[in-house]
Amino acid sequence: MKVALENVLPGEIEARSFEIITEELGGRKLDEDKAPVIKRVIHTSADFEYADTLCFSDGVIGKALEAIRGGASIVTDTQMGRSGINKRSLARYGGQVYCFMGDEDVARQARENGTTRAVASIDKAASLEGPLIFAIGNAPTALVRLYELIKEGRIHPALVIGVPVGFVNVVQSKELIMETEAPYIVARGRKGGSNVAAAICNALLYMIDETRGQ
């Protein structure tokens, strides 16, 4: 069987990918402010179900962009998520990307309290100053702990990206976040992952970058 390949230059691959995504979405009309996030997640995952399962709290895109412009830092629950976020772009606005999962004090606290490292890492992140975006792509226990701290009034996230992947308490943890007053972008259901969390962060960063370039 002869396979026909598209003749696309390396620098044009991403643009062509987004053209294909738009084509395959057909006549579906996405909200203008949410479309860059949805399309980048689809670009990362090749999964068009995210057009239906990504949930956004009211006004979340504007709130997220304002937080980033105001120097918000991002806390992730995996080194993979941290690696995937465009740290140079975030640094232009004064933010940093943190992942505390491998820290010795986090491991010690988790052992002493009988919790997961993800829970201990959220407790550590709660002591950070300035606006915070939480990008959770792996650990539902991190989302549950965030829910508890939000309800207790001990933390006020600028944004919660809740996209852990899996089967145990994944669906439930996402639903809990959507019950809070915190701005959120959540992938309802079992799907998600660190790559999806990073893709959402990058989509927001690129939206600001594009505005600056105009």
C-alpha atoms as a PDB file:
ATOM      1  CA  MET A   1       0.000   0.000   0.000  1.00  0.00           C
ATOM      2  CA  LYS A   2       1.343   3.396  -0.968  1.00  0.00           C
ATOM      3  CA  VAL A   3       1.189   5.953   1.827  1.00  0.00           C
ATOM      4  CA  ALA A   4       0.723   9.605   0.869  1.00  0.00           C
ATOM      5  CA  LEU A   5       2.586  11.985   3.147  1.00  0.00           C
ATOM      6  CA  GLU A   6       1.927  15.688   3.517  1.00  0.00           C
ATOM      7  CA  ASN A   7       4.836  17.886   2.501  1.00  0.00           C
ATOM      8  CA  VAL A   8       5.095  20.088   5.589  1.00  0.00           C
ATOM      9  CA  LEU A   9       8.190  21.976   6.663  1.00  0.00           C
ATOM     10  CA  PRO A  10       9.333  21.412  10.282  1.00  0.00           C
ATOM     11  CA  GLY A  11       8.448  24.950  11.300  1.00  0.00           C
ATOM     12  CA  GLU A  12       4.940  24.539   9.919  1.00  0.00           C
ATOM     13  CA  ILE A  13       3.998  21.260  11.595  1.00  0.00           C
ATOM     14  CA  GLU A  14       2.291  22.797  14.624  1.00  0.00           C
ATOM     15  CA  ALA A  15       0.324  25.283  12.540  1.00  0.00           C
ATOM     16  CA  ARG A  16      -0.791  22.492  10.211  1.00  0.00           C
ATOM     17  CA  SER A  17      -1.782  20.363  13.203  1.00  0.00           C
ATOM     18  CA  PHE A  18      -4.051  23.109  14.472  1.00  0.00           C
ATOM     19  CA  GLU A  19      -5.557  23.480  10.997  1.00  0.00           C
ATOM     20  CA  ILE A  20      -6.397  19.763  11.023  1.00  0.00           C
ATOM     21  CA  ILE A  21      -7.913  20.055  14.515  1.00  0.00           C
ATOM     22  CA  THR A  22     -10.123  22.928  13.336  1.00  0.00           C
ATOM     23  CA  GLU A  23     -11.144  20.932  10.259  1.00  0.00           C
ATOM     24  CA  GLU A  24     -12.005  17.828  12.263  1.00  0.00           C
ATOM     25  CA  LEU A  25     -14.036  19.816  14.756  1.00  0.00           C
ATOM     26  CA  GLY A  26     -16.202  20.564  11.749  1.00  0.00           C
ATOM     27  CA  GLY A  27     -18.866  23.166  12.217  1.00  0.00           C
ATOM     28  CA  ARG A  28     -18.618  23.007  15.992  1.00  0.00           C
ATOM     29  CA  LYS A  29     -18.438  26.489  17.493  1.00  0.00           C
ATOM     30  CA  LEU A  30     -16.119  26.752  20.493  1.00  0.00           C
ATOM     31  CA  ASP A  31     -16.197  29.738  22.824  1.00  0.00           C
ATOM     32  CA  GLU A  32     -13.560  32.143  21.540  1.00  0.00           C
ATOM     33  CA  ASP A  33     -11.770  32.495  24.871  1.00  0.00           C
ATOM     34  CA  LYS A  34     -11.734  28.750  25.595  1.00  0.00           C
ATOM     35  CA  ALA A  35     -10.847  27.537  22.098  1.00  0.00           C
ATOM     36  CA  PRO A  36      -7.045  27.978  22.439  1.00  0.00           C
ATOM     37  CA  VAL A  37      -7.050  25.819  25.577  1.00  0.00           C
ATOM     38  CA  ILE A  38      -9.288  23.119  24.130  1.00  0.00           C
ATOM     39  CA  LYS A  39      -7.365  22.949  20.853  1.00  0.00           C
ATOM     40  CA  ARG A  40      -3.960  22.774  22.556  1.00  0.00           C
ATOM     41  CA  VAL A  41      -5.142  19.923  24.758  1.00  0.00           C
ATOM     42  CA  ILE A  42      -6.406  18.108  21.670  1.00  0.00           C
ATOM     43  CA  HIS A  43      -3.085  18.857  19.949  1.00  0.00           C
ATOM     44  CA  THR A  44      -1.225  17.313  22.895  1.00  0.00           C
ATOM     45  CA  SER A  45      -3.436  14.254  23.273  1.00  0.00           C
ATOM     46  CA  ALA A  46      -4.994  13.712  19.802  1.00  0.00           C
ATOM     47  CA  ASP A  47      -8.211  13.167  21.756  1.00  0.00           C
ATOM     48  CA  PHE A  48     -11.214  15.153  20.558  1.00  0.00           C
ATOM     49  CA  GLU A  49     -13.307  14.144  23.573  1.00  0.00           C
ATOM     50  CA  TYR A  50     -11.705  17.036  25.450  1.00  0.00           C
ATOM     51  CA  ALA A  51     -13.891  19.375  23.418  1.00  0.00           C
ATOM     52  CA  ASP A  52     -16.757  17.980  25.505  1.00  0.00           C
ATOM     53  CA  THR A  53     -15.125  17.083  28.818  1.00  0.00           C
ATOM     54  CA  LEU A  54     -13.071  20.199  29.595  1.00  0.00           C
ATOM     55  CA  CYS A  55     -15.090  22.257  32.078  1.00  0.00           C
ATOM     56  CA  PHE A  56     -14.460  25.940  32.796  1.00  0.00           C
ATOM     57  CA  SER A  57     -15.703  28.007  35.722  1.00  0.00           C
ATOM     58  CA  ASP A  58     -17.290  31.360  34.890  1.00  0.00           C
ATOM     59  CA  GLY A  59     -14.769  33.898  33.635  1.00  0.00           C
ATOM     60  CA  VAL A  60     -11.841  31.578  34.340  1.00  0.00           C
ATOM     61  CA  ILE A  61      -9.780  32.456  31.259  1.00  0.00           C
ATOM     62  CA  GLY A  62      -9.741  36.165  32.056  1.00  0.00           C
ATOM     63  CA  LYS A  63      -8.953  35.458  35.710  1.00  0.00           C
ATOM     64  CA  ALA A  64      -6.123  33.080  34.772  1.00  0.00           C
ATOM     65  CA  LEU A  65      -4.528  35.514  32.335  1.00  0.00           C
ATOM     66  CA  GLU A  66      -4.754  38.307  34.887  1.00  0.00           C
ATOM     67  CA  ALA A  67      -3.086  36.090  37.502  1.00  0.00           C
ATOM     68  CA  ILE A  68      -0.224  35.204  35.155  1.00  0.00           C
ATOM     69  CA  ARG A  69       0.298  38.847  34.241  1.00  0.00           C
ATOM     70  CA  GLY A  70       0.366  39.560  37.972  1.00  0.00           C
ATOM     71  CA  GLY A  71       3.267  37.168  38.547  1.00  0.00           C
ATOM     72  CA  ALA A  72       1.450  33.958  39.482  1.00  0.00           C
ATOM     73  CA  SER A  73       3.589  30.880  39.986  1.00  0.00           C
ATOM     74  CA  ILE A  74       2.523  27.378  38.984  1.00  0.00           C
ATOM     75  CA  VAL A  75       2.620  24.341  41.284  1.00  0.00           C
ATOM     76  CA  THR A  76       2.525  20.922  39.622  1.00  0.00           C
ATOM     77  CA  ASP A  77       2.267  17.414  41.058  1.00  0.00           C
ATOM     78  CA  THR A  78       4.849  15.819  38.732  1.00  0.00           C
ATOM     79  CA  GLN A  79       8.268  16.630  37.359  1.00  0.00           C
ATOM     80  CA  MET A  80       6.872  15.706  33.934  1.00  0.00           C
ATOM     81  CA  GLY A  81       4.286  18.446  34.258  1.00  0.00           C
ATOM     82  CA  ARG A  82       6.921  20.896  35.415  1.00  0.00           C
ATOM     83  CA  SER A  83       9.181  20.003  32.479  1.00  0.00           C
ATOM     84  CA  GLY A  84       6.381  20.513  29.975  1.00  0.00           C
ATOM     85  CA  ILE A  85       5.456  24.039  31.055  1.00  0.00           C
ATOM     86  CA  ASN A  86       7.147  26.900  29.202  1.00  0.00           C
ATOM     87  CA  LYS A  87       9.099  28.315  32.134  1.00  0.00           C
ATOM     88  CA  ARG A  88      10.784  31.019  30.059  1.00  0.00           C
ATOM     89  CA  SER A  89       7.431  32.401  28.985  1.00  0.00           C
ATOM     90  CA  LEU A  90       6.113  32.330  32.566  1.00  0.00           C
ATOM     91  CA  ALA A  91       9.264  34.034  33.880  1.00  0.00           C
ATOM     92  CA  ARG A  92       8.548  37.050  31.665  1.00  0.00           C
ATOM     93  CA  TYR A  93       5.658  37.823  33.985  1.00  0.00           C
ATOM     94  CA  GLY A  94       7.535  37.059  37.212  1.00  0.00           C
ATOM     95  CA  GLY A  95       6.285  33.523  37.863  1.00  0.00           C
ATOM     96  CA  GLN A  96       8.076  30.254  38.560  1.00  0.00           C
ATOM     97  CA  VAL A  97       7.109  26.588  38.259  1.00  0.00           C
ATOM     98  CA  TYR A  98       7.356  24.409  41.360  1.00  0.00           C
ATOM     99  CA  CYS A  99       7.124  20.678  41.969  1.00  0.00           C
ATOM    100  CA  PHE A 100       7.759  19.580  45.554  1.00  0.00           C
ATOM    101  CA  MET A 101       7.116  15.868  45.086  1.00  0.00           C
ATOM    102  CA  GLY A 102      10.793  14.904  45.352  1.00  0.00           C
ATOM    103  CA  ASP A 103      11.638  17.135  48.325  1.00  0.00           C
ATOM    104  CA  GLU A 104      12.943  15.366  51.434  1.00  0.00           C
ATOM    105  CA  ASP A 105      10.749  17.379  53.807  1.00  0.00           C
ATOM    106  CA  VAL A 106       7.684  16.443  51.758  1.00  0.00           C
ATOM    107  CA  ALA A 107       8.587  12.746  51.904  1.00  0.00           C
ATOM    108  CA  ARG A 108       9.167  13.002  55.668  1.00  0.00           C
ATOM    109  CA  GLN A 109       5.858  14.767  56.273  1.00  0.00           C
ATOM    110  CA  ALA A 110       4.009  12.191  54.190  1.00  0.00           C
ATOM    111  CA  ARG A 111       5.532   9.347  56.246  1.00  0.00           C
ATOM    112  CA  GLU A 112       4.802  11.026  59.570  1.00  0.00           C
ATOM    113  CA  ASN A 113       1.200  11.879  58.663  1.00  0.00           C
ATOM    114  CA  GLY A 114       0.441   8.691  56.747  1.00  0.00           C
ATOM    115  CA  THR A 115      -0.497  10.595  53.601  1.00  0.00           C
ATOM    116  CA  THR A 116       0.693  10.662  50.019  1.00  0.00           C
ATOM    117  CA  ARG A 117       3.544  12.897  48.908  1.00  0.00           C
ATOM    118  CA  ALA A 118       1.023  14.726  46.763  1.00  0.00           C
ATOM    119  CA  VAL A 119      -0.909  15.780  49.874  1.00  0.00           C
ATOM    120  CA  ALA A 120       2.281  16.874  51.640  1.00  0.00           C
ATOM    121  CA  SER A 121       3.394  18.812  48.571  1.00  0.00           C
ATOM    122  CA  ILE A 122       0.122  20.767  48.536  1.00  0.00           C
ATOM    123  CA  ASP A 123       0.600  21.594  52.215  1.00  0.00           C
ATOM    124  CA  LYS A 124       4.078  22.909  51.401  1.00  0.00           C
ATOM    125  CA  ALA A 125       2.777  24.922  48.462  1.00  0.00           C
ATOM    126  CA  ALA A 126       0.199  26.569  50.713  1.00  0.00           C
ATOM    127  CA  SER A 127       3.028  28.495  52.392  1.00  0.00           C
ATOM    128  CA  LEU A 128       4.158  30.138  49.147  1.00  0.00           C
ATOM    129  CA  GLU A 129       3.510  33.842  48.740  1.00  0.00           C
ATOM    130  CA  GLY A 130       1.784  35.463  45.800  1.00  0.00           C
ATOM    131  CA  PRO A 131      -0.897  34.173  43.430  1.00  0.00           C
ATOM    132  CA  LEU A 132      -0.735  30.438  42.713  1.00  0.00           C
ATOM    133  CA  ILE A 133      -1.951  28.244  39.885  1.00  0.00           C
ATOM    134  CA  PHE A 134      -2.192  24.536  40.695  1.00  0.00           C
ATOM    135  CA  ALA A 135      -1.730  22.236  37.694  1.00  0.00           C
ATOM    136  CA  ILE A 136      -2.632  18.726  38.852  1.00  0.00           C
ATOM    137  CA  GLY A 137      -2.313  16.023  36.213  1.00  0.00           C
ATOM    138  CA  ASN A 138      -1.562  12.879  38.181  1.00  0.00           C
ATOM    139  CA  ALA A 139      -2.613  12.773  41.840  1.00  0.00           C
ATOM    140  CA  PRO A 140      -6.286  12.963  42.831  1.00  0.00           C
ATOM    141  CA  THR A 141      -5.167  13.164  46.471  1.00  0.00           C
ATOM    142  CA  ALA A 142      -3.597  16.541  45.620  1.00  0.00           C
ATOM    143  CA  LEU A 143      -6.972  17.788  44.393  1.00  0.00           C
ATOM    144  CA  VAL A 144      -8.734  16.467  47.481  1.00  0.00           C
ATOM    145  CA  ARG A 145      -6.225  18.260  49.722  1.00  0.00           C
ATOM    146  CA  LEU A 146      -6.676  21.447  47.710  1.00  0.00           C
ATOM    147  CA  TYR A 147     -10.438  21.133  48.185  1.00  0.00           C
ATOM    148  CA  GLU A 148      -9.969  20.804  51.955  1.00  0.00           C
ATOM    149  CA  LEU A 149      -7.640  23.803  52.198  1.00  0.00           C
ATOM    150  CA  ILE A 150      -9.928  25.936  50.029  1.00  0.00           C
ATOM    151  CA  LYS A 151     -12.948  25.045  52.154  1.00  0.00           C
ATOM    152  CA  GLU A 152     -10.972  25.867  55.319  1.00  0.00           C
ATOM    153  CA  GLY A 153     -10.032  29.244  53.857  1.00  0.00           C
ATOM    154  CA  ARG A 154      -6.333  28.439  54.146  1.00  0.00           C
ATOM    155  CA  ILE A 155      -5.580  28.816  50.458  1.00  0.00           C
ATOM    156  CA  HIS A 156      -7.085  30.873  47.658  1.00  0.00           C
ATOM    157  CA  PRO A 157      -5.818  29.584  44.295  1.00  0.00           C
ATOM    158  CA  ALA A 158      -5.828  31.914  41.321  1.00  0.00           C
ATOM    159  CA  LEU A 159      -6.625  28.817  39.255  1.00  0.00           C
ATOM    160  CA  VAL A 160      -6.951  25.067  39.748  1.00  0.00           C
ATOM    161  CA  ILE A 161      -6.208  22.929  36.705  1.00  0.00           C
ATOM    162  CA  GLY A 162      -7.684  19.570  37.699  1.00  0.00           C
ATOM    163  CA  VAL A 163      -6.815  16.928  35.133  1.00  0.00           C
ATOM    164  CA  PRO A 164      -5.486  13.827  36.951  1.00  0.00           C
ATOM    165  CA  VAL A 165      -5.759  10.611  34.984  1.00  0.00           C
ATOM    166  CA  GLY A 166      -6.767   7.239  36.375  1.00  0.00           C
ATOM    167  CA  PHE A 167      -9.446   5.250  38.140  1.00  0.00           C
ATOM    168  CA  VAL A 168      -9.286   5.618  41.946  1.00  0.00           C
ATOM    169  CA  ASN A 169     -10.970   8.805  43.211  1.00  0.00           C
ATOM    170  CA  VAL A 170     -10.077  10.619  39.991  1.00  0.00           C
ATOM    171  CA  VAL A 171     -13.621  11.467  38.945  1.00  0.00           C
ATOM    172  CA  GLN A 172     -14.644  12.326  42.500  1.00  0.00           C
ATOM    173  CA  SER A 173     -11.692  14.640  43.159  1.00  0.00           C
ATOM    174  CA  LYS A 174     -12.461  16.660  40.043  1.00  0.00           C
ATOM    175  CA  GLU A 175     -16.095  17.030  41.040  1.00  0.00           C
ATOM    176  CA  LEU A 176     -15.019  18.309  44.463  1.00  0.00           C
ATOM    177  CA  ILE A 177     -12.950  21.091  42.898  1.00  0.00           C
ATOM    178  CA  MET A 178     -15.927  22.151  40.812  1.00  0.00           C
ATOM    179  CA  GLU A 179     -17.911  22.603  44.053  1.00  0.00           C
ATOM    180  CA  THR A 180     -15.512  25.282  45.334  1.00  0.00           C
ATOM    181  CA  GLU A 181     -15.376  28.992  44.619  1.00  0.00           C
ATOM    182  CA  ALA A 182     -11.887  28.668  43.102  1.00  0.00           C
ATOM    183  CA  PRO A 183     -11.508  29.360  39.374  1.00  0.00           C
ATOM    184  CA  TYR A 184     -10.997  26.014  37.642  1.00  0.00           C
ATOM    185  CA  ILE A 185     -10.340  24.193  34.407  1.00  0.00           C
ATOM    186  CA  VAL A 186     -11.225  20.530  34.917  1.00  0.00           C
ATOM    187  CA  ALA A 187     -11.211  17.524  32.600  1.00  0.00           C
ATOM    188  CA  ARG A 188     -14.343  15.734  33.722  1.00  0.00           C
ATOM    189  CA  GLY A 189     -14.068  11.954  33.864  1.00  0.00           C
ATOM    190  CA  ARG A 190     -11.066   9.648  33.990  1.00  0.00           C
ATOM    191  CA  LYS A 191      -8.919  11.215  31.291  1.00  0.00           C
ATOM    192  CA  GLY A 192      -6.129  13.704  31.802  1.00  0.00           C
ATOM    193  CA  GLY A 193      -2.441  13.557  32.633  1.00  0.00           C
ATOM    194  CA  SER A 194       0.604  15.701  33.289  1.00  0.00           C
ATOM    195  CA  ASN A 195       0.905  16.475  29.584  1.00  0.00           C
ATOM    196  CA  VAL A 196      -2.642  17.818  29.577  1.00  0.00           C
ATOM    197  CA  ALA A 197      -1.957  19.961  32.666  1.00  0.00           C
ATOM    198  CA  ALA A 198       1.134  21.417  30.981  1.00  0.00           C
ATOM    199  CA  ALA A 199      -0.755  21.986  27.733  1.00  0.00           C
ATOM    200  CA  ILE A 200      -3.394  24.060  29.530  1.00  0.00           C
ATOM    201  CA  CYS A 201      -0.714  26.159  31.228  1.00  0.00           C
ATOM    202  CA  ASN A 202       1.054  26.727  27.925  1.00  0.00           C
ATOM    203  CA  ALA A 203      -2.154  27.623  26.128  1.00  0.00           C
ATOM    204  CA  LEU A 204      -2.755  30.377  28.676  1.00  0.00           C
ATOM    205  CA  LEU A 205       0.827  31.612  28.413  1.00  0.00           C
ATOM    206  CA  TYR A 206       0.722  31.689  24.611  1.00  0.00           C
ATOM    207  CA  MET A 207      -2.545  33.619  24.686  1.00  0.00           C
ATOM    208  CA  ILE A 208      -0.773  36.366  26.638  1.00  0.00           C
ATOM    209  CA  ASP A 209       2.328  36.187  24.454  1.00  0.00           C
ATOM    210  CA  GLU A 210       0.219  36.623  21.319  1.00  0.00           C
ATOM    211  CA  THR A 211      -1.478  39.659  22.821  1.00  0.00           C
ATOM    212  CA  ARG A 212       1.873  41.207  23.687  1.00  0.00           C
ATOM    213  CA  GLY A 213       3.099  40.689  20.142  1.00  0.00           C
ATOM    214  CA  GLN A 214       0.205  42.594  18.592  1.00  0.00           C
END
